[in-house]
Amino acid sequence: MALERELAYFESQLPELLKHNKGQFAVIKDETLLGTYTTFDEAFDAGVREWGTAPFLIREITEDQPKADFPALTVGLLYAHL
């Protein structure tokens, strides 16, 4: 799955992030936290300024984390020809 490394890093840092940045958005590439931002748009802009079009993770810092699941990607349905 894409961004596995970033998701694992986010999960490992979540307890500390919740202490100081709850409700903000974390921007992560590999195992590097670029920073936390108050809005998704700010986080996105910072990630693009730093890494351009390379994939990076933006995740809201909340206690109840939704599962990241992209079934169409994992089974290749995005490129299916009907």
N, C-alpha and C. Protein backbone atom coordinates (compact mmCIF):
# COMPACT_ATOMS: atom_id res chain seq x y z
N MET A 1 0.85 -1.18 0.00
CA MET A 1 0.00 0.00 0.00
C MET A 1 0.90 1.25 0.00
N ALA A 2 0.50 2.24 -0.73
CA ALA A 2 1.23 3.49 -0.79
C ALA A 2 1.23 4.18 0.58
N LEU A 3 2.32 4.82 0.89
CA LEU A 3 2.49 5.60 2.12
C LEU A 3 2.48 4.75 3.40
N GLU A 4 2.80 3.46 3.29
CA GLU A 4 2.85 2.59 4.48
C GLU A 4 3.84 3.11 5.50
N ARG A 5 5.01 3.50 5.01
CA ARG A 5 6.06 3.99 5.92
C ARG A 5 5.59 5.25 6.65
N GLU A 6 4.96 6.15 5.93
CA GLU A 6 4.46 7.38 6.53
C GLU A 6 3.36 7.11 7.56
N LEU A 7 2.46 6.19 7.22
CA LEU A 7 1.38 5.84 8.15
C LEU A 7 1.93 5.21 9.43
N ALA A 8 2.92 4.32 9.28
CA ALA A 8 3.53 3.67 10.44
C ALA A 8 4.22 4.71 11.33
N TYR A 9 4.91 5.64 10.70
CA TYR A 9 5.58 6.70 11.47
C TYR A 9 4.55 7.57 12.19
N PHE A 10 3.49 7.94 11.49
CA PHE A 10 2.43 8.74 12.10
C PHE A 10 1.87 8.03 13.33
N GLU A 11 1.56 6.75 13.18
CA GLU A 11 1.00 5.98 14.31
C GLU A 11 1.98 5.94 15.48
N SER A 12 3.27 5.80 15.20
CA SER A 12 4.25 5.75 16.28
C SER A 12 4.38 7.09 17.01
N GLN A 13 4.11 8.18 16.31
CA GLN A 13 4.22 9.52 16.89
C GLN A 13 2.90 10.05 17.43
N LEU A 14 1.81 9.35 17.18
CA LEU A 14 0.48 9.85 17.54
C LEU A 14 0.32 10.22 19.01
N PRO A 15 0.78 9.39 19.96
CA PRO A 15 0.59 9.79 21.37
C PRO A 15 1.22 11.16 21.68
N GLU A 16 2.41 11.42 21.17
CA GLU A 16 3.07 12.70 21.42
C GLU A 16 2.36 13.83 20.67
N LEU A 17 1.94 13.57 19.44
CA LEU A 17 1.23 14.58 18.66
C LEU A 17 -0.09 14.96 19.32
N LEU A 18 -0.78 14.00 19.91
CA LEU A 18 -2.05 14.28 20.58
C LEU A 18 -1.87 15.20 21.78
N LYS A 19 -0.71 15.13 22.43
CA LYS A 19 -0.46 15.98 23.60
C LYS A 19 -0.40 17.45 23.23
N HIS A 20 0.15 17.76 22.06
CA HIS A 20 0.44 19.15 21.73
C HIS A 20 -0.26 19.68 20.47
N ASN A 21 -0.76 18.78 19.63
CA ASN A 21 -1.26 19.22 18.32
C ASN A 21 -2.61 18.63 17.95
N LYS A 22 -3.40 18.23 18.92
CA LYS A 22 -4.69 17.62 18.65
C LYS A 22 -5.56 18.53 17.78
N GLY A 23 -6.16 17.95 16.74
CA GLY A 23 -7.02 18.70 15.84
C GLY A 23 -6.30 19.34 14.67
N GLN A 24 -4.97 19.31 14.70
CA GLN A 24 -4.21 19.86 13.58
C GLN A 24 -3.92 18.77 12.55
N PHE A 25 -3.21 19.13 11.50
CA PHE A 25 -2.87 18.20 10.42
C PHE A 25 -1.37 18.02 10.34
N ALA A 26 -0.92 16.78 10.42
CA ALA A 26 0.50 16.46 10.33
C ALA A 26 0.86 16.20 8.87
N VAL A 27 2.04 16.66 8.46
CA VAL A 27 2.55 16.43 7.11
C VAL A 27 3.82 15.60 7.24
N ILE A 28 3.80 14.39 6.60
CA ILE A 28 4.90 13.44 6.78
C ILE A 28 5.33 12.89 5.43
N LYS A 29 6.65 12.78 5.27
CA LYS A 29 7.26 12.10 4.11
C LYS A 29 8.32 11.18 4.68
N ASP A 30 8.28 9.89 4.29
CA ASP A 30 9.15 8.87 4.86
C ASP A 30 8.97 8.88 6.38
N GLU A 31 10.01 9.17 7.13
CA GLU A 31 9.89 9.27 8.58
C GLU A 31 10.27 10.67 9.05
N THR A 32 9.82 11.65 8.26
CA THR A 32 10.10 13.05 8.57
C THR A 32 8.78 13.80 8.74
N LEU A 33 8.61 14.39 9.91
CA LEU A 33 7.46 15.24 10.16
C LEU A 33 7.83 16.66 9.74
N LEU A 34 7.23 17.13 8.65
CA LEU A 34 7.49 18.48 8.19
C LEU A 34 6.97 19.50 9.20
N GLY A 35 5.78 19.21 9.75
CA GLY A 35 5.18 20.10 10.73
C GLY A 35 3.72 19.78 10.91
N THR A 36 3.06 20.57 11.75
CA THR A 36 1.62 20.45 11.95
C THR A 36 0.99 21.79 11.61
N TYR A 37 -0.22 21.72 11.06
CA TYR A 37 -0.89 22.91 10.53
C TYR A 37 -2.34 22.91 10.96
N THR A 38 -2.91 24.10 11.08
CA THR A 38 -4.28 24.21 11.59
C THR A 38 -5.34 23.83 10.58
N THR A 39 -5.03 23.91 9.28
CA THR A 39 -6.01 23.51 8.26
C THR A 39 -5.36 22.54 7.27
N PHE A 40 -6.21 21.77 6.61
CA PHE A 40 -5.73 20.85 5.58
C PHE A 40 -5.04 21.62 4.46
N ASP A 41 -5.62 22.74 4.06
CA ASP A 41 -5.04 23.54 2.98
C ASP A 41 -3.63 24.02 3.31
N GLU A 42 -3.43 24.48 4.54
CA GLU A 42 -2.09 24.90 4.96
C GLU A 42 -1.11 23.73 4.91
N ALA A 43 -1.56 22.57 5.38
CA ALA A 43 -0.72 21.37 5.37
C ALA A 43 -0.38 20.96 3.94
N PHE A 44 -1.36 20.99 3.06
CA PHE A 44 -1.13 20.62 1.67
C PHE A 44 -0.14 21.58 1.01
N ASP A 45 -0.34 22.86 1.21
CA ASP A 45 0.56 23.86 0.61
C ASP A 45 1.99 23.67 1.10
N ALA A 46 2.17 23.40 2.40
CA ALA A 46 3.51 23.18 2.95
C ALA A 46 4.15 21.94 2.35
N GLY A 47 3.38 20.87 2.21
CA GLY A 47 3.90 19.63 1.62
C GLY A 47 4.32 19.82 0.18
N VAL A 48 3.52 20.53 -0.59
CA VAL A 48 3.85 20.79 -2.00
C VAL A 48 5.09 21.68 -2.11
N ARG A 49 5.19 22.69 -1.25
CA ARG A 49 6.38 23.55 -1.27
C ARG A 49 7.65 22.74 -0.97
N GLU A 50 7.54 21.79 -0.05
CA GLU A 50 8.71 21.01 0.37
C GLU A 50 9.05 19.88 -0.61
N TRP A 51 8.03 19.15 -1.08
CA TRP A 51 8.28 17.93 -1.85
C TRP A 51 7.68 17.93 -3.25
N GLY A 52 7.04 18.99 -3.64
CA GLY A 52 6.47 19.05 -4.98
C GLY A 52 5.39 18.00 -5.19
N THR A 53 5.50 17.25 -6.27
CA THR A 53 4.47 16.26 -6.60
C THR A 53 4.76 14.87 -6.04
N ALA A 54 5.84 14.72 -5.28
CA ALA A 54 6.13 13.42 -4.65
C ALA A 54 5.04 13.11 -3.62
N PRO A 55 4.71 11.84 -3.44
CA PRO A 55 3.68 11.49 -2.47
C PRO A 55 4.12 11.83 -1.04
N PHE A 56 3.20 12.37 -0.27
CA PHE A 56 3.42 12.62 1.16
C PHE A 56 2.08 12.47 1.86
N LEU A 57 2.14 12.30 3.16
CA LEU A 57 0.95 12.03 3.96
C LEU A 57 0.50 13.28 4.70
N ILE A 58 -0.79 13.54 4.64
CA ILE A 58 -1.42 14.54 5.50
C ILE A 58 -2.46 13.80 6.32
N ARG A 59 -2.33 13.91 7.63
CA ARG A 59 -3.25 13.17 8.50
C ARG A 59 -3.69 14.06 9.65
N GLU A 60 -5.00 14.09 9.90
CA GLU A 60 -5.51 14.85 11.03
C GLU A 60 -5.14 14.14 12.33
N ILE A 61 -4.75 14.91 13.31
CA ILE A 61 -4.32 14.36 14.60
C ILE A 61 -5.53 14.26 15.51
N THR A 62 -6.10 13.07 15.57
CA THR A 62 -7.28 12.81 16.39
C THR A 62 -7.09 11.48 17.12
N GLU A 63 -7.84 11.30 18.19
CA GLU A 63 -7.76 10.05 18.95
C GLU A 63 -8.32 8.88 18.16
N ASP A 64 -9.40 9.09 17.44
CA ASP A 64 -10.03 8.02 16.65
C ASP A 64 -9.57 8.15 15.21
N GLN A 65 -8.59 7.37 14.84
CA GLN A 65 -8.03 7.43 13.50
C GLN A 65 -8.80 6.51 12.56
N PRO A 66 -9.28 7.05 11.43
CA PRO A 66 -9.94 6.20 10.44
C PRO A 66 -8.91 5.28 9.78
N LYS A 67 -9.36 4.12 9.39
CA LYS A 67 -8.47 3.20 8.68
C LYS A 67 -8.28 3.70 7.26
N ALA A 68 -7.02 3.75 6.83
CA ALA A 68 -6.71 4.16 5.45
C ALA A 68 -6.85 2.94 4.56
N ASP A 69 -7.84 2.95 3.70
CA ASP A 69 -8.10 1.80 2.85
C ASP A 69 -8.52 2.28 1.47
N PHE A 70 -7.83 1.81 0.46
CA PHE A 70 -8.11 2.20 -0.91
C PHE A 70 -8.30 0.94 -1.75
N PRO A 71 -9.43 0.24 -1.61
CA PRO A 71 -9.59 -1.05 -2.28
C PRO A 71 -9.47 -0.98 -3.79
N ALA A 72 -9.91 0.08 -4.42
CA ALA A 72 -9.80 0.17 -5.88
C ALA A 72 -8.33 0.16 -6.30
N LEU A 73 -7.48 0.79 -5.49
CA LEU A 73 -6.06 0.79 -5.81
C LEU A 73 -5.44 -0.58 -5.59
N THR A 74 -5.81 -1.25 -4.50
CA THR A 74 -5.16 -2.51 -4.17
C THR A 74 -5.55 -3.64 -5.11
N VAL A 75 -6.69 -3.57 -5.73
CA VAL A 75 -7.07 -4.62 -6.67
C VAL A 75 -6.94 -4.16 -8.11
N GLY A 76 -6.45 -2.97 -8.32
CA GLY A 76 -6.19 -2.49 -9.67
C GLY A 76 -7.41 -2.04 -10.45
N LEU A 77 -8.49 -1.73 -9.79
CA LEU A 77 -9.71 -1.37 -10.50
C LEU A 77 -9.66 0.02 -11.12
N LEU A 78 -8.76 0.85 -10.66
CA LEU A 78 -8.68 2.18 -11.26
C LEU A 78 -8.28 2.12 -12.74
N TYR A 79 -7.60 1.06 -13.11
CA TYR A 79 -7.14 0.94 -14.49
C TYR A 79 -7.87 -0.16 -15.26
N ALA A 80 -8.99 -0.60 -14.70
CA ALA A 80 -9.77 -1.65 -15.37
C ALA A 80 -10.43 -1.09 -16.63
N HIS A 81 -10.46 -1.89 -17.64
CA HIS A 81 -11.13 -1.51 -18.89
C HIS A 81 -12.45 -2.26 -18.98
N LEU A 82 -13.51 -1.53 -19.13
CA LEU A 82 -14.83 -2.14 -19.22
C LEU A 82 -15.22 -2.41 -20.64
